[in-house]
Amino acid sequence: MKKLYLTSLFLIFMTTQALARDPVLGVWQAPPDRKGQIGHIQISPCGSMLCGTIIQAYDPSGKEVVTPNVGKRLFWNMKVEGAGAYGGGRVFVPAHNREYDAAMKLQGQKLSVKGCVGPVCQGQVWTRVR
């Protein structure tokens, strides 16, 4: 039993260490919403998976704004699938006030993020801030 426990701890540690070096980690800028506001999303490890939280919002002139969405978890349970692909997570879309199945694809400094209901998907391309 002790050996199984130690093996489990080791696997969790190794997964966390690998995730800590994942290239998708950082701050990403989403395109303007219906109001023209731009959000910055912090992607970070969330246990053995990835989560994204809205950390800042800006109006069309670039001035930081206060919005109830700042501080909200935008996506969670995103799994690393390899080759820049992430999936199996959920995404919250503030404009719809709904959750959807989520997937992401990293290509250089661009991150394609999509939410799907069955075969119907909509998405955005985010740009790395830092």
C-alpha atoms as a PDB file:
ATOM      1  CA  MET A   1       0.000   0.000   0.000  1.00  0.00           C
ATOM      2  CA  LYS A   2       2.825   2.388   0.915  1.00  0.00           C
ATOM      3  CA  LYS A   3       4.545   1.666  -2.403  1.00  0.00           C
ATOM      4  CA  LEU A   4       1.339   2.449  -4.325  1.00  0.00           C
ATOM      5  CA  TYR A   5       0.948   5.711  -2.392  1.00  0.00           C
ATOM      6  CA  LEU A   6       4.552   6.766  -3.102  1.00  0.00           C
ATOM      7  CA  THR A   7       4.193   5.851  -6.773  1.00  0.00           C
ATOM      8  CA  SER A   8       1.023   7.954  -7.002  1.00  0.00           C
ATOM      9  CA  LEU A   9       2.762  10.912  -5.357  1.00  0.00           C
ATOM     10  CA  PHE A  10       5.690  10.587  -7.766  1.00  0.00           C
ATOM     11  CA  LEU A  11       3.381  10.535 -10.809  1.00  0.00           C
ATOM     12  CA  ILE A  12       1.507  13.611  -9.566  1.00  0.00           C
ATOM     13  CA  PHE A  13       4.835  15.407  -8.985  1.00  0.00           C
ATOM     14  CA  MET A  14       6.128  14.519 -12.462  1.00  0.00           C
ATOM     15  CA  THR A  15       2.873  15.618 -14.126  1.00  0.00           C
ATOM     16  CA  THR A  16       2.955  18.917 -12.236  1.00  0.00           C
ATOM     17  CA  GLN A  17       6.602  19.491 -13.201  1.00  0.00           C
ATOM     18  CA  ALA A  18       5.898  18.802 -16.886  1.00  0.00           C
ATOM     19  CA  LEU A  19       2.883  21.105 -16.783  1.00  0.00           C
ATOM     20  CA  ALA A  20       4.953  23.877 -15.180  1.00  0.00           C
ATOM     21  CA  ARG A  21       7.036  24.021 -18.383  1.00  0.00           C
ATOM     22  CA  ASP A  22       4.140  23.871 -20.835  1.00  0.00           C
ATOM     23  CA  PRO A  23       4.454  26.562 -23.544  1.00  0.00           C
ATOM     24  CA  VAL A  24       0.774  27.598 -23.266  1.00  0.00           C
ATOM     25  CA  LEU A  25       1.304  28.964 -19.734  1.00  0.00           C
ATOM     26  CA  GLY A  26       1.207  32.750 -19.465  1.00  0.00           C
ATOM     27  CA  VAL A  27      -1.085  35.658 -20.229  1.00  0.00           C
ATOM     28  CA  TRP A  28      -3.166  35.745 -23.420  1.00  0.00           C
ATOM     29  CA  GLN A  29      -5.279  38.495 -24.972  1.00  0.00           C
ATOM     30  CA  ALA A  30      -8.708  37.623 -26.321  1.00  0.00           C
ATOM     31  CA  PRO A  31     -10.151  39.643 -29.217  1.00  0.00           C
ATOM     32  CA  PRO A  32     -12.695  42.399 -28.461  1.00  0.00           C
ATOM     33  CA  ASP A  33     -16.125  41.314 -27.271  1.00  0.00           C
ATOM     34  CA  ARG A  34     -19.478  42.838 -28.344  1.00  0.00           C
ATOM     35  CA  LYS A  35     -18.727  45.939 -26.233  1.00  0.00           C
ATOM     36  CA  GLY A  36     -15.252  46.270 -27.735  1.00  0.00           C
ATOM     37  CA  GLN A  37     -13.637  45.198 -24.452  1.00  0.00           C
ATOM     38  CA  ILE A  38     -10.472  43.107 -24.486  1.00  0.00           C
ATOM     39  CA  GLY A  39      -9.692  40.501 -21.831  1.00  0.00           C
ATOM     40  CA  HIS A  40      -6.385  39.166 -20.573  1.00  0.00           C
ATOM     41  CA  ILE A  41      -6.480  35.526 -19.505  1.00  0.00           C
ATOM     42  CA  GLN A  42      -3.867  33.911 -17.249  1.00  0.00           C
ATOM     43  CA  ILE A  43      -3.311  30.239 -18.130  1.00  0.00           C
ATOM     44  CA  SER A  44      -1.785  28.255 -15.289  1.00  0.00           C
ATOM     45  CA  PRO A  45      -1.597  24.718 -13.918  1.00  0.00           C
ATOM     46  CA  CYS A  46      -4.682  23.635 -12.032  1.00  0.00           C
ATOM     47  CA  GLY A  47      -3.655  20.381 -10.391  1.00  0.00           C
ATOM     48  CA  SER A  48      -2.640  18.070 -13.241  1.00  0.00           C
ATOM     49  CA  MET A  49      -4.589  20.107 -15.817  1.00  0.00           C
ATOM     50  CA  LEU A  50      -4.755  23.695 -17.090  1.00  0.00           C
ATOM     51  CA  CYS A  51      -7.104  26.509 -16.141  1.00  0.00           C
ATOM     52  CA  GLY A  52      -7.582  30.028 -17.450  1.00  0.00           C
ATOM     53  CA  THR A  53      -8.752  33.025 -15.444  1.00  0.00           C
ATOM     54  CA  ILE A  54      -9.666  36.503 -16.677  1.00  0.00           C
ATOM     55  CA  ILE A  55      -7.196  38.793 -14.892  1.00  0.00           C
ATOM     56  CA  GLN A  56      -7.790  42.165 -16.595  1.00  0.00           C
ATOM     57  CA  ALA A  57     -10.174  43.874 -19.019  1.00  0.00           C
ATOM     58  CA  TYR A  58      -9.694  46.967 -21.187  1.00  0.00           C
ATOM     59  CA  ASP A  59     -12.025  49.275 -23.114  1.00  0.00           C
ATOM     60  CA  PRO A  60     -11.447  49.999 -26.824  1.00  0.00           C
ATOM     61  CA  SER A  61      -9.078  52.892 -25.948  1.00  0.00           C
ATOM     62  CA  GLY A  62      -6.890  50.570 -23.848  1.00  0.00           C
ATOM     63  CA  LYS A  63      -8.031  51.888 -20.458  1.00  0.00           C
ATOM     64  CA  GLU A  64      -8.419  49.188 -17.804  1.00  0.00           C
ATOM     65  CA  VAL A  65     -12.067  48.673 -16.851  1.00  0.00           C
ATOM     66  CA  VAL A  66     -13.871  47.086 -13.929  1.00  0.00           C
ATOM     67  CA  THR A  67     -16.129  44.231 -14.979  1.00  0.00           C
ATOM     68  CA  PRO A  68     -17.690  41.348 -13.046  1.00  0.00           C
ATOM     69  CA  ASN A  69     -15.873  38.930 -15.369  1.00  0.00           C
ATOM     70  CA  VAL A  70     -12.425  39.816 -14.004  1.00  0.00           C
ATOM     71  CA  GLY A  71     -11.441  37.053 -11.625  1.00  0.00           C
ATOM     72  CA  LYS A  72     -13.747  34.485 -13.226  1.00  0.00           C
ATOM     73  CA  ARG A  73     -12.413  31.135 -14.307  1.00  0.00           C
ATOM     74  CA  LEU A  74     -12.835  31.046 -18.077  1.00  0.00           C
ATOM     75  CA  PHE A  75     -11.815  27.440 -18.660  1.00  0.00           C
ATOM     76  CA  TRP A  76     -10.788  24.453 -16.567  1.00  0.00           C
ATOM     77  CA  ASN A  77      -9.852  20.752 -16.739  1.00  0.00           C
ATOM     78  CA  MET A  78      -7.921  21.297 -19.975  1.00  0.00           C
ATOM     79  CA  LYS A  79      -5.648  18.335 -20.650  1.00  0.00           C
ATOM     80  CA  VAL A  80      -2.371  18.426 -22.563  1.00  0.00           C
ATOM     81  CA  GLU A  81      -2.799  16.183 -25.616  1.00  0.00           C
ATOM     82  CA  GLY A  82       0.600  16.849 -27.209  1.00  0.00           C
ATOM     83  CA  ALA A  83       1.830  18.659 -30.322  1.00  0.00           C
ATOM     84  CA  GLY A  84       0.282  21.948 -29.113  1.00  0.00           C
ATOM     85  CA  ALA A  85      -3.197  20.462 -28.669  1.00  0.00           C
ATOM     86  CA  TYR A  86      -5.293  20.693 -25.495  1.00  0.00           C
ATOM     87  CA  GLY A  87      -8.731  19.251 -24.893  1.00  0.00           C
ATOM     88  CA  GLY A  88     -11.240  17.616 -22.617  1.00  0.00           C
ATOM     89  CA  GLY A  89     -11.931  20.822 -20.730  1.00  0.00           C
ATOM     90  CA  ARG A  90     -14.835  23.170 -20.268  1.00  0.00           C
ATOM     91  CA  VAL A  91     -15.075  26.852 -21.170  1.00  0.00           C
ATOM     92  CA  PHE A  92     -17.387  29.534 -19.791  1.00  0.00           C
ATOM     93  CA  VAL A  93     -18.498  32.099 -22.366  1.00  0.00           C
ATOM     94  CA  PRO A  94     -19.550  35.278 -20.507  1.00  0.00           C
ATOM     95  CA  ALA A  95     -21.548  36.635 -23.474  1.00  0.00           C
ATOM     96  CA  HIS A  96     -23.742  33.498 -23.400  1.00  0.00           C
ATOM     97  CA  ASN A  97     -23.515  32.879 -19.645  1.00  0.00           C
ATOM     98  CA  ARG A  98     -23.017  29.185 -20.505  1.00  0.00           C
ATOM     99  CA  GLU A  99     -20.387  26.450 -20.371  1.00  0.00           C
ATOM    100  CA  TYR A 100     -19.236  24.417 -23.365  1.00  0.00           C
ATOM    101  CA  ASP A 101     -16.824  21.586 -24.161  1.00  0.00           C
ATOM    102  CA  ALA A 102     -13.459  23.173 -24.914  1.00  0.00           C
ATOM    103  CA  ALA A 103     -10.296  22.609 -26.922  1.00  0.00           C
ATOM    104  CA  MET A 104      -7.231  24.708 -27.738  1.00  0.00           C
ATOM    105  CA  LYS A 105      -4.416  24.594 -30.277  1.00  0.00           C
ATOM    106  CA  LEU A 106      -1.135  26.468 -29.764  1.00  0.00           C
ATOM    107  CA  GLN A 107       0.712  27.719 -32.860  1.00  0.00           C
ATOM    108  CA  GLY A 108       3.626  30.005 -31.983  1.00  0.00           C
ATOM    109  CA  GLN A 109       2.287  33.134 -30.270  1.00  0.00           C
ATOM    110  CA  LYS A 110      -1.338  32.381 -31.234  1.00  0.00           C
ATOM    111  CA  LEU A 111      -3.779  30.173 -29.348  1.00  0.00           C
ATOM    112  CA  SER A 112      -6.949  28.961 -31.067  1.00  0.00           C
ATOM    113  CA  VAL A 113      -9.636  28.429 -28.425  1.00  0.00           C
ATOM    114  CA  LYS A 114     -12.995  26.870 -29.202  1.00  0.00           C
ATOM    115  CA  GLY A 115     -16.146  25.875 -27.395  1.00  0.00           C
ATOM    116  CA  CYS A 116     -18.473  23.253 -28.787  1.00  0.00           C
ATOM    117  CA  VAL A 117     -21.984  21.895 -28.360  1.00  0.00           C
ATOM    118  CA  GLY A 118     -21.906  18.565 -30.148  1.00  0.00           C
ATOM    119  CA  PRO A 119     -20.491  19.081 -33.641  1.00  0.00           C
ATOM    120  CA  VAL A 120     -21.119  22.856 -33.639  1.00  0.00           C
ATOM    121  CA  CYS A 121     -18.099  24.915 -32.517  1.00  0.00           C
ATOM    122  CA  GLN A 122     -17.215  28.580 -32.263  1.00  0.00           C
ATOM    123  CA  GLY A 123     -13.822  29.950 -31.444  1.00  0.00           C
ATOM    124  CA  GLN A 124     -11.377  32.782 -31.127  1.00  0.00           C
ATOM    125  CA  VAL A 125      -7.679  33.278 -31.668  1.00  0.00           C
ATOM    126  CA  TRP A 126      -5.839  34.688 -28.659  1.00  0.00           C
ATOM    127  CA  THR A 127      -2.449  36.420 -28.794  1.00  0.00           C
ATOM    128  CA  ARG A 128       0.300  35.969 -26.220  1.00  0.00           C
ATOM    129  CA  VAL A 129       0.852  39.010 -23.966  1.00  0.00           C
ATOM    130  CA  ARG A 130       3.570  37.472 -21.775  1.00  0.00           C
END
